[in-house]
Amino acid sequence: MSIFGDRIRGLREDKDLNQTQLANILNCTQKKISRMETGENEPNLQDIKALCTYFNISANYLLGLTDNPEKLR
């Protein structure tokens, strides 16, 4: 798995969501969430923005550039 996939899965599980629930929130398919989590598919910019907005985290955290999930202020 990729850092990105690990982080999405961890964030999702922290909120007690399954892949289908997260997909519904982000208006995409469960298959897309699964493939992002396993590293089979890379997210596009809209996916990254939606994930950062929903989880209130920085893109740098999702991309593995920092271990701090907090957004810069």
C-alpha atoms as a PDB file:
ATOM      1  CA  MET A   1       0.000   0.000   0.000  1.00  0.00           C
ATOM      2  CA  SER A   2       1.089   3.579  -0.529  1.00  0.00           C
ATOM      3  CA  ILE A   3       1.398   6.295   2.096  1.00  0.00           C
ATOM      4  CA  PHE A   4      -1.598   7.968   0.477  1.00  0.00           C
ATOM      5  CA  GLY A   5      -3.653   4.787   0.636  1.00  0.00           C
ATOM      6  CA  ASP A   6      -2.635   4.056   4.210  1.00  0.00           C
ATOM      7  CA  ARG A   7      -3.609   7.553   5.262  1.00  0.00           C
ATOM      8  CA  ILE A   8      -6.990   7.463   3.550  1.00  0.00           C
ATOM      9  CA  ARG A   9      -7.760   4.113   5.141  1.00  0.00           C
ATOM     10  CA  GLY A  10      -6.652   5.329   8.572  1.00  0.00           C
ATOM     11  CA  LEU A  11      -8.705   8.519   8.357  1.00  0.00           C
ATOM     12  CA  ARG A  12     -11.728   6.581   7.146  1.00  0.00           C
ATOM     13  CA  GLU A  13     -11.449   4.017   9.912  1.00  0.00           C
ATOM     14  CA  ASP A  14     -10.940   6.742  12.552  1.00  0.00           C
ATOM     15  CA  LYS A  15     -14.394   8.029  11.607  1.00  0.00           C
ATOM     16  CA  ASP A  16     -15.830   4.497  11.629  1.00  0.00           C
ATOM     17  CA  LEU A  17     -16.718   4.704   7.946  1.00  0.00           C
ATOM     18  CA  ASN A  18     -16.636   1.871   5.465  1.00  0.00           C
ATOM     19  CA  GLN A  19     -15.545   2.460   1.880  1.00  0.00           C
ATOM     20  CA  THR A  20     -19.111   2.743   0.626  1.00  0.00           C
ATOM     21  CA  GLN A  21     -20.002   5.387   3.201  1.00  0.00           C
ATOM     22  CA  LEU A  22     -16.932   7.461   2.321  1.00  0.00           C
ATOM     23  CA  ALA A  23     -17.689   7.064  -1.378  1.00  0.00           C
ATOM     24  CA  ASN A  24     -21.211   8.382  -0.816  1.00  0.00           C
ATOM     25  CA  ILE A  25     -19.868  11.364   1.123  1.00  0.00           C
ATOM     26  CA  LEU A  26     -17.360  12.154  -1.636  1.00  0.00           C
ATOM     27  CA  ASN A  27     -19.831  11.405  -4.437  1.00  0.00           C
ATOM     28  CA  CYS A  28     -17.763   8.662  -6.034  1.00  0.00           C
ATOM     29  CA  THR A  29     -17.788   4.871  -6.097  1.00  0.00           C
ATOM     30  CA  GLN A  30     -16.657   2.392  -3.462  1.00  0.00           C
ATOM     31  CA  LYS A  31     -14.383   0.886  -6.108  1.00  0.00           C
ATOM     32  CA  LYS A  32     -12.587   4.228  -6.486  1.00  0.00           C
ATOM     33  CA  ILE A  33     -12.005   4.449  -2.719  1.00  0.00           C
ATOM     34  CA  SER A  34     -10.749   0.862  -2.676  1.00  0.00           C
ATOM     35  CA  ARG A  35      -8.350   1.473  -5.551  1.00  0.00           C
ATOM     36  CA  MET A  36      -6.996   4.658  -3.968  1.00  0.00           C
ATOM     37  CA  GLU A  37      -6.441   2.825  -0.683  1.00  0.00           C
ATOM     38  CA  THR A  38      -4.587  -0.054  -2.339  1.00  0.00           C
ATOM     39  CA  GLY A  39      -2.549   2.234  -4.604  1.00  0.00           C
ATOM     40  CA  GLU A  40      -4.107   0.703  -7.706  1.00  0.00           C
ATOM     41  CA  ASN A  41      -5.246   4.168  -8.851  1.00  0.00           C
ATOM     42  CA  GLU A  42      -3.827   7.563  -8.062  1.00  0.00           C
ATOM     43  CA  PRO A  43      -6.190  10.302  -6.949  1.00  0.00           C
ATOM     44  CA  ASN A  44      -6.852  13.314  -9.117  1.00  0.00           C
ATOM     45  CA  LEU A  45      -6.783  16.871  -7.808  1.00  0.00           C
ATOM     46  CA  GLN A  46     -10.531  16.875  -7.118  1.00  0.00           C
ATOM     47  CA  ASP A  47     -10.174  13.688  -5.054  1.00  0.00           C
ATOM     48  CA  ILE A  48      -7.399  15.236  -2.967  1.00  0.00           C
ATOM     49  CA  LYS A  49      -9.389  18.424  -2.429  1.00  0.00           C
ATOM     50  CA  ALA A  50     -12.512  16.501  -1.422  1.00  0.00           C
ATOM     51  CA  LEU A  51     -10.595  14.299   1.029  1.00  0.00           C
ATOM     52  CA  CYS A  52      -8.787  17.269   2.581  1.00  0.00           C
ATOM     53  CA  THR A  53     -12.031  19.187   2.947  1.00  0.00           C
ATOM     54  CA  TYR A  54     -13.987  16.301   4.445  1.00  0.00           C
ATOM     55  CA  PHE A  55     -11.267  15.211   6.874  1.00  0.00           C
ATOM     56  CA  ASN A  56     -10.060  18.787   7.504  1.00  0.00           C
ATOM     57  CA  ILE A  57      -6.437  17.892   6.832  1.00  0.00           C
ATOM     58  CA  SER A  58      -3.605  19.194   4.700  1.00  0.00           C
ATOM     59  CA  ALA A  59      -2.797  17.785   1.282  1.00  0.00           C
ATOM     60  CA  ASN A  60       0.821  17.523   2.427  1.00  0.00           C
ATOM     61  CA  TYR A  61      -0.282  14.957   5.008  1.00  0.00           C
ATOM     62  CA  LEU A  62      -2.197  12.883   2.451  1.00  0.00           C
ATOM     63  CA  LEU A  63       0.742  12.972   0.062  1.00  0.00           C
ATOM     64  CA  GLY A  64       3.224  11.891   2.731  1.00  0.00           C
ATOM     65  CA  LEU A  65       5.150  15.175   2.769  1.00  0.00           C
ATOM     66  CA  THR A  66       4.510  15.627   6.495  1.00  0.00           C
ATOM     67  CA  ASP A  67       3.295  13.516   9.366  1.00  0.00           C
ATOM     68  CA  ASN A  68       1.256  16.436  10.731  1.00  0.00           C
ATOM     69  CA  PRO A  69      -2.327  16.253   9.450  1.00  0.00           C
ATOM     70  CA  GLU A  70      -3.172  19.814  10.515  1.00  0.00           C
ATOM     71  CA  LYS A  71      -3.758  22.467   7.900  1.00  0.00           C
ATOM     72  CA  LEU A  72      -1.455  25.461   7.868  1.00  0.00           C
ATOM     73  CA  ARG A  73      -3.119  28.578   9.110  1.00  0.00           C
END
